[in-house]
């Protein structure tokens, strides 16, 4: 996998994932929407760790500058 995410993109994704976790575990968002946010947060964290987003590849998009 070739890196296709910039450092800023990764930081934003981690921040959004943290926000989703706060909303769910703080009891602010519950039910189905809460579960969806948690799953999306996990996906954001995983893509941030590996610096690769499969959707970026699908749309031939990259925020990483070589």
PDB file of N, CA and C in Angstrom:
ATOM      1  N   UNK A   1       0.834  -1.183   0.000  1.00  0.00           N
ATOM      2  CA  UNK A   1       0.000   0.000   0.000  1.00  0.00           C
ATOM      3  C   UNK A   1       0.880   1.247   0.000  1.00  0.00           C
ATOM      4  N   UNK A   2       0.622   2.077  -0.935  1.00  0.00           N
ATOM      5  CA  UNK A   2       1.343   3.335  -1.025  1.00  0.00           C
ATOM      6  C   UNK A   2       0.607   4.383  -0.194  1.00  0.00           C
ATOM      7  N   UNK A   3       1.349   5.146   0.566  1.00  0.00           N
ATOM      8  CA  UNK A   3       0.762   6.172   1.423  1.00  0.00           C
ATOM      9  C   UNK A   3      -0.002   7.199   0.576  1.00  0.00           C
ATOM     10  N   UNK A   4      -1.240   7.510   0.984  1.00  0.00           N
ATOM     11  CA  UNK A   4      -2.014   8.493   0.244  1.00  0.00           C
ATOM     12  C   UNK A   4      -2.685   9.519   1.171  1.00  0.00           C
ATOM     13  N   UNK A   5      -2.199   9.606   2.413  1.00  0.00           N
ATOM     14  CA  UNK A   5      -2.748  10.555   3.376  1.00  0.00           C
ATOM     15  C   UNK A   5      -1.637  11.434   3.938  1.00  0.00           C
ATOM     16  N   UNK A   6      -1.900  12.734   4.017  1.00  0.00           N
ATOM     17  CA  UNK A   6      -0.927  13.654   4.605  1.00  0.00           C
ATOM     18  C   UNK A   6      -1.014  13.586   6.127  1.00  0.00           C
ATOM     19  N   UNK A   7      -0.031  14.174   6.785  1.00  0.00           N
ATOM     20  CA  UNK A   7      -0.031  14.202   8.249  1.00  0.00           C
ATOM     21  C   UNK A   7      -1.209  14.995   8.794  1.00  0.00           C
ATOM     22  N   UNK A   8      -1.573  16.070   8.132  1.00  0.00           N
ATOM     23  CA  UNK A   8      -2.723  16.871   8.584  1.00  0.00           C
ATOM     24  C   UNK A   8      -4.006  16.064   8.459  1.00  0.00           C
ATOM     25  N   UNK A   9      -4.153  15.334   7.375  1.00  0.00           N
ATOM     26  CA  UNK A   9      -5.308  14.471   7.170  1.00  0.00           C
ATOM     27  C   UNK A   9      -5.406  13.441   8.291  1.00  0.00           C
ATOM     28  N   UNK A  10      -4.274  12.853   8.650  1.00  0.00           N
ATOM     29  CA  UNK A  10      -4.245  11.853   9.718  1.00  0.00           C
ATOM     30  C   UNK A  10      -4.631  12.464  11.059  1.00  0.00           C
ATOM     31  N   UNK A  11      -4.134  13.661  11.361  1.00  0.00           N
ATOM     32  CA  UNK A  11      -4.441  14.326  12.625  1.00  0.00           C
ATOM     33  C   UNK A  11      -5.928  14.649  12.719  1.00  0.00           C
ATOM     34  N   UNK A  12      -6.484  15.144  11.624  1.00  0.00           N
ATOM     35  CA  UNK A  12      -7.917  15.462  11.605  1.00  0.00           C
ATOM     36  C   UNK A  12      -8.745  14.203  11.840  1.00  0.00           C
ATOM     37  N   UNK A  13      -8.371  13.100  11.213  1.00  0.00           N
ATOM     38  CA  UNK A  13      -9.110  11.848  11.393  1.00  0.00           C
ATOM     39  C   UNK A  13      -9.043  11.355  12.838  1.00  0.00           C
ATOM     40  N   UNK A  14      -7.892  11.468  13.464  1.00  0.00           N
ATOM     41  CA  UNK A  14      -7.766  11.048  14.863  1.00  0.00           C
ATOM     42  C   UNK A  14      -8.622  11.947  15.755  1.00  0.00           C
ATOM     43  N   UNK A  15      -8.633  13.242  15.487  1.00  0.00           N
ATOM     44  CA  UNK A  15      -9.449  14.176  16.272  1.00  0.00           C
ATOM     45  C   UNK A  15     -10.942  13.870  16.115  1.00  0.00           C
ATOM     46  N   UNK A  16     -11.363  13.590  14.903  1.00  0.00           N
ATOM     47  CA  UNK A  16     -12.770  13.259  14.664  1.00  0.00           C
ATOM     48  C   UNK A  16     -13.128  11.939  15.351  1.00  0.00           C
ATOM     49  N   UNK A  17     -12.240  10.974  15.290  1.00  0.00           N
ATOM     50  CA  UNK A  17     -12.479   9.691  15.963  1.00  0.00           C
ATOM     51  C   UNK A  17     -12.599   9.891  17.475  1.00  0.00           C
ATOM     52  N   UNK A  18     -11.755  10.759  18.036  1.00  0.00           N
ATOM     53  CA  UNK A  18     -11.834  11.052  19.469  1.00  0.00           C
ATOM     54  C   UNK A  18     -13.154  11.738  19.809  1.00  0.00           C
ATOM     55  N   UNK A  19     -13.599  12.635  18.960  1.00  0.00           N
ATOM     56  CA  UNK A  19     -14.875  13.305  19.164  1.00  0.00           C
ATOM     57  C   UNK A  19     -16.025  12.295  19.136  1.00  0.00           C
ATOM     58  N   UNK A  20     -16.006  11.390  18.172  1.00  0.00           N
ATOM     59  CA  UNK A  20     -17.046  10.368  18.091  1.00  0.00           C
ATOM     60  C   UNK A  20     -17.051   9.490  19.343  1.00  0.00           C
ATOM     61  N   UNK A  21     -15.868   9.117  19.815  1.00  0.00           N
ATOM     62  CA  UNK A  21     -15.779   8.303  21.031  1.00  0.00           C
ATOM     63  C   UNK A  21     -16.337   9.069  22.232  1.00  0.00           C
ATOM     64  N   UNK A  22     -16.001  10.332  22.341  1.00  0.00           N
ATOM     65  CA  UNK A  22     -16.520  11.162  23.441  1.00  0.00           C
ATOM     66  C   UNK A  22     -18.041  11.242  23.393  1.00  0.00           C
ATOM     67  N   UNK A  23     -18.578  11.471  22.207  1.00  0.00           N
ATOM     68  CA  UNK A  23     -20.028  11.577  22.073  1.00  0.00           C
ATOM     69  C   UNK A  23     -20.733  10.282  22.466  1.00  0.00           C
ATOM     70  N   UNK A  24     -20.161   9.153  22.072  1.00  0.00           N
ATOM     71  CA  UNK A  24     -20.793   7.870  22.379  1.00  0.00           C
ATOM     72  C   UNK A  24     -20.601   7.477  23.842  1.00  0.00           C
ATOM     73  N   UNK A  25     -19.364   7.473  24.305  1.00  0.00           N
ATOM     74  CA  UNK A  25     -19.091   7.005  25.661  1.00  0.00           C
ATOM     75  C   UNK A  25     -19.520   8.018  26.715  1.00  0.00           C
ATOM     76  N   UNK A  26     -19.731   9.259  26.330  1.00  0.00           N
ATOM     77  CA  UNK A  26     -20.272  10.261  27.240  1.00  0.00           C
ATOM     78  C   UNK A  26     -21.783  10.213  27.328  1.00  0.00           C
ATOM     79  N   UNK A  27     -22.402   9.368  26.515  1.00  0.00           N
ATOM     80  CA  UNK A  27     -23.843   9.203  26.543  1.00  0.00           C
ATOM     81  C   UNK A  27     -24.602  10.304  25.808  1.00  0.00           C
ATOM     82  N   UNK A  28     -23.895  11.112  25.046  1.00  0.00           N
ATOM     83  CA  UNK A  28     -24.545  12.201  24.318  1.00  0.00           C
ATOM     84  C   UNK A  28     -25.269  11.657  23.087  1.00  0.00           C
ATOM     85  N   UNK A  29     -24.653  10.719  22.393  1.00  0.00           N
ATOM     86  CA  UNK A  29     -25.272  10.066  21.236  1.00  0.00           C
ATOM     87  C   UNK A  29     -25.363   8.580  21.565  1.00  0.00           C
ATOM     88  N   UNK A  30     -26.571   8.034  21.454  1.00  0.00           N
ATOM     89  CA  UNK A  30     -26.773   6.628  21.794  1.00  0.00           C
ATOM     90  C   UNK A  30     -27.495   5.914  20.661  1.00  0.00           C
ATOM     91  N   UNK A  31     -27.740   4.657  20.861  1.00  0.00           N
ATOM     92  CA  UNK A  31     -28.489   3.869  19.886  1.00  0.00           C
ATOM     93  C   UNK A  31     -27.704   3.577  18.629  1.00  0.00           C
ATOM     94  N   UNK A  32     -28.442   3.436  17.557  1.00  0.00           N
ATOM     95  CA  UNK A  32     -27.847   3.073  16.272  1.00  0.00           C
ATOM     96  C   UNK A  32     -26.859   4.122  15.790  1.00  0.00           C
ATOM     97  N   UNK A  33     -27.216   5.381  15.917  1.00  0.00           N
ATOM     98  CA  UNK A  33     -26.310   6.447  15.489  1.00  0.00           C
ATOM     99  C   UNK A  33     -25.000   6.392  16.277  1.00  0.00           C
ATOM    100  N   UNK A  34     -25.078   6.107  17.561  1.00  0.00           N
ATOM    101  CA  UNK A  34     -23.870   5.991  18.378  1.00  0.00           C
ATOM    102  C   UNK A  34     -22.965   4.871  17.910  1.00  0.00           C
ATOM    103  N   UNK A  35     -23.562   3.727  17.596  1.00  0.00           N
ATOM    104  CA  UNK A  35     -22.782   2.586  17.108  1.00  0.00           C
ATOM    105  C   UNK A  35     -22.133   2.922  15.768  1.00  0.00           C
ATOM    106  N   UNK A  36     -22.876   3.581  14.891  1.00  0.00           N
ATOM    107  CA  UNK A  36     -22.333   3.977  13.590  1.00  0.00           C
ATOM    108  C   UNK A  36     -21.147   4.918  13.784  1.00  0.00           C
ATOM    109  N   UNK A  37     -21.261   5.868  14.700  1.00  0.00           N
ATOM    110  CA  UNK A  37     -20.153   6.795  14.959  1.00  0.00           C
ATOM    111  C   UNK A  37     -18.929   6.067  15.494  1.00  0.00           C
ATOM    112  N   UNK A  38     -19.127   5.109  16.378  1.00  0.00           N
ATOM    113  CA  UNK A  38     -17.997   4.349  16.924  1.00  0.00           C
ATOM    114  C   UNK A  38     -17.306   3.556  15.819  1.00  0.00           C
ATOM    115  N   UNK A  39     -18.069   2.896  14.975  1.00  0.00           N
ATOM    116  CA  UNK A  39     -17.483   2.117  13.877  1.00  0.00           C
ATOM    117  C   UNK A  39     -16.729   3.038  12.925  1.00  0.00           C
ATOM    118  N   UNK A  40     -17.327   4.170  12.592  1.00  0.00           N
ATOM    119  CA  UNK A  40     -16.657   5.127  11.720  1.00  0.00           C
ATOM    120  C   UNK A  40     -15.374   5.658  12.370  1.00  0.00           C
ATOM    121  N   UNK A  41     -15.413   5.898  13.676  1.00  0.00           N
ATOM    122  CA  UNK A  41     -14.226   6.335  14.400  1.00  0.00           C
ATOM    123  C   UNK A  41     -13.109   5.307  14.349  1.00  0.00           C
ATOM    124  N   UNK A  42     -13.458   4.031  14.482  1.00  0.00           N
ATOM    125  CA  UNK A  42     -12.457   2.963  14.408  1.00  0.00           C
ATOM    126  C   UNK A  42     -11.837   2.923  13.013  1.00  0.00           C
ATOM    127  N   UNK A  43     -12.662   3.076  11.985  1.00  0.00           N
ATOM    128  CA  UNK A  43     -12.144   3.101  10.610  1.00  0.00           C
ATOM    129  C   UNK A  43     -11.198   4.289  10.435  1.00  0.00           C
ATOM    130  N   UNK A  44     -11.577   5.454  10.952  1.00  0.00           N
ATOM    131  CA  UNK A  44     -10.714   6.630  10.867  1.00  0.00           C
ATOM    132  C   UNK A  44      -9.382   6.375  11.559  1.00  0.00           C
ATOM    133  N   UNK A  45      -9.411   5.757  12.736  1.00  0.00           N
ATOM    134  CA  UNK A  45      -8.159   5.462  13.450  1.00  0.00           C
ATOM    135  C   UNK A  45      -7.281   4.495  12.665  1.00  0.00           C
ATOM    136  N   UNK A  46      -7.882   3.445  12.141  1.00  0.00           N
ATOM    137  CA  UNK A  46      -7.101   2.457  11.388  1.00  0.00           C
ATOM    138  C   UNK A  46      -6.472   3.066  10.138  1.00  0.00           C
ATOM    139  N   UNK A  47      -7.237   3.853   9.407  1.00  0.00           N
ATOM    140  CA  UNK A  47      -6.668   4.468   8.207  1.00  0.00           C
ATOM    141  C   UNK A  47      -5.585   5.480   8.569  1.00  0.00           C
ATOM    142  N   UNK A  48      -5.723   6.121   9.710  1.00  0.00           N
ATOM    143  CA  UNK A  48      -4.693   7.065  10.146  1.00  0.00           C
ATOM    144  C   UNK A  48      -3.400   6.352  10.505  1.00  0.00           C
ATOM    145  N   UNK A  49      -3.515   5.214  11.145  1.00  0.00           N
ATOM    146  CA  UNK A  49      -2.326   4.464  11.555  1.00  0.00           C
ATOM    147  C   UNK A  49      -1.538   3.975  10.348  1.00  0.00           C
ATOM    148  N   UNK A  50      -2.232   3.495   9.320  1.00  0.00           N
ATOM    149  CA  UNK A  50      -1.537   2.962   8.153  1.00  0.00           C
ATOM    150  C   UNK A  50      -1.305   4.002   7.060  1.00  0.00           C
ATOM    151  N   UNK A  51      -1.824   5.209   7.242  1.00  0.00           N
ATOM    152  CA  UNK A  51      -1.667   6.315   6.272  1.00  0.00           C
ATOM    153  C   UNK A  51      -2.204   5.979   4.891  1.00  0.00           C
ATOM    154  N   UNK A  52      -3.226   5.175   4.864  1.00  0.00           N
ATOM    155  CA  UNK A  52      -3.797   4.740   3.591  1.00  0.00           C
ATOM    156  C   UNK A  52      -5.311   4.694   3.695  1.00  0.00           C
ATOM    157  N   UNK A  53      -5.982   5.328   2.736  1.00  0.00           N
ATOM    158  CA  UNK A  53      -7.436   5.321   2.680  1.00  0.00           C
ATOM    159  C   UNK A  53      -7.872   4.640   1.393  1.00  0.00           C
ATOM    160  N   UNK A  54      -8.567   3.501   1.496  1.00  0.00           N
ATOM    161  CA  UNK A  54      -9.012   2.797   0.288  1.00  0.00           C
ATOM    162  C   UNK A  54      -9.944   3.638  -0.585  1.00  0.00           C
ATOM    163  N   UNK A  55     -10.759   4.483   0.010  1.00  0.00           N
ATOM    164  CA  UNK A  55     -11.653   5.330  -0.784  1.00  0.00           C
ATOM    165  C   UNK A  55     -10.876   6.335  -1.621  1.00  0.00           C
ATOM    166  N   UNK A  56      -9.762   6.820  -1.094  1.00  0.00           N
ATOM    167  CA  UNK A  56      -8.925   7.736  -1.877  1.00  0.00           C
ATOM    168  C   UNK A  56      -8.428   7.039  -3.137  1.00  0.00           C
ATOM    169  N   UNK A  57      -8.056   5.771  -3.026  1.00  0.00           N
ATOM    170  CA  UNK A  57      -7.582   5.019  -4.176  1.00  0.00           C
ATOM    171  C   UNK A  57      -8.703   4.832  -5.192  1.00  0.00           C
ATOM    172  N   UNK A  58      -9.888   4.542  -4.695  1.00  0.00           N
ATOM    173  CA  UNK A  58     -11.035   4.336  -5.568  1.00  0.00           C
ATOM    174  C   UNK A  58     -11.324   5.579  -6.412  1.00  0.00           C
ATOM    175  N   UNK A  59     -11.187   6.754  -5.802  1.00  0.00           N
ATOM    176  CA  UNK A  59     -11.457   8.008  -6.503  1.00  0.00           C
ATOM    177  C   UNK A  59     -10.190   8.672  -7.060  1.00  0.00           C
ATOM    178  N   UNK A  60      -9.055   7.950  -7.005  1.00  0.00           N
ATOM    179  CA  UNK A  60      -7.772   8.456  -7.504  1.00  0.00           C
ATOM    180  C   UNK A  60      -7.434   9.818  -6.891  1.00  0.00           C
ATOM    181  N   UNK A  61      -7.500   9.865  -5.560  1.00  0.00           N
ATOM    182  CA  UNK A  61      -7.293  11.097  -4.799  1.00  0.00           C
ATOM    183  C   UNK A  61      -6.205  10.839  -3.772  1.00  0.00           C
ATOM    184  N   UNK A  62      -5.410  11.865  -3.478  1.00  0.00           N
ATOM    185  CA  UNK A  62      -4.366  11.726  -2.466  1.00  0.00           C
ATOM    186  C   UNK A  62      -4.106  13.096  -1.825  1.00  0.00           C
ATOM    187  N   UNK A  63      -3.924  13.099  -0.505  1.00  0.00           N
ATOM    188  CA  UNK A  63      -3.547  14.333   0.178  1.00  0.00           C
ATOM    189  C   UNK A  63      -2.061  14.328   0.492  1.00  0.00           C
ATOM    190  N   UNK A  64      -1.382  13.225   0.206  1.00  0.00           N
ATOM    191  CA  UNK A  64       0.047  13.103   0.466  1.00  0.00           C
ATOM    192  C   UNK A  64       0.833  13.698  -0.702  1.00  0.00           C
ATOM    193  N   UNK A  65       1.737  14.563  -0.393  1.00  0.00           N
ATOM    194  CA  UNK A  65       2.616  15.135  -1.416  1.00  0.00           C
ATOM    195  C   UNK A  65       3.941  14.404  -1.390  1.00  0.00           C
ATOM    196  N   UNK A  66       4.373  13.907  -2.521  1.00  0.00           N
ATOM    197  CA  UNK A  66       5.623  13.132  -2.601  1.00  0.00           C
ATOM    198  C   UNK A  66       6.827  14.002  -2.442  1.00  0.00           C
TER     199      UNK A  66
END
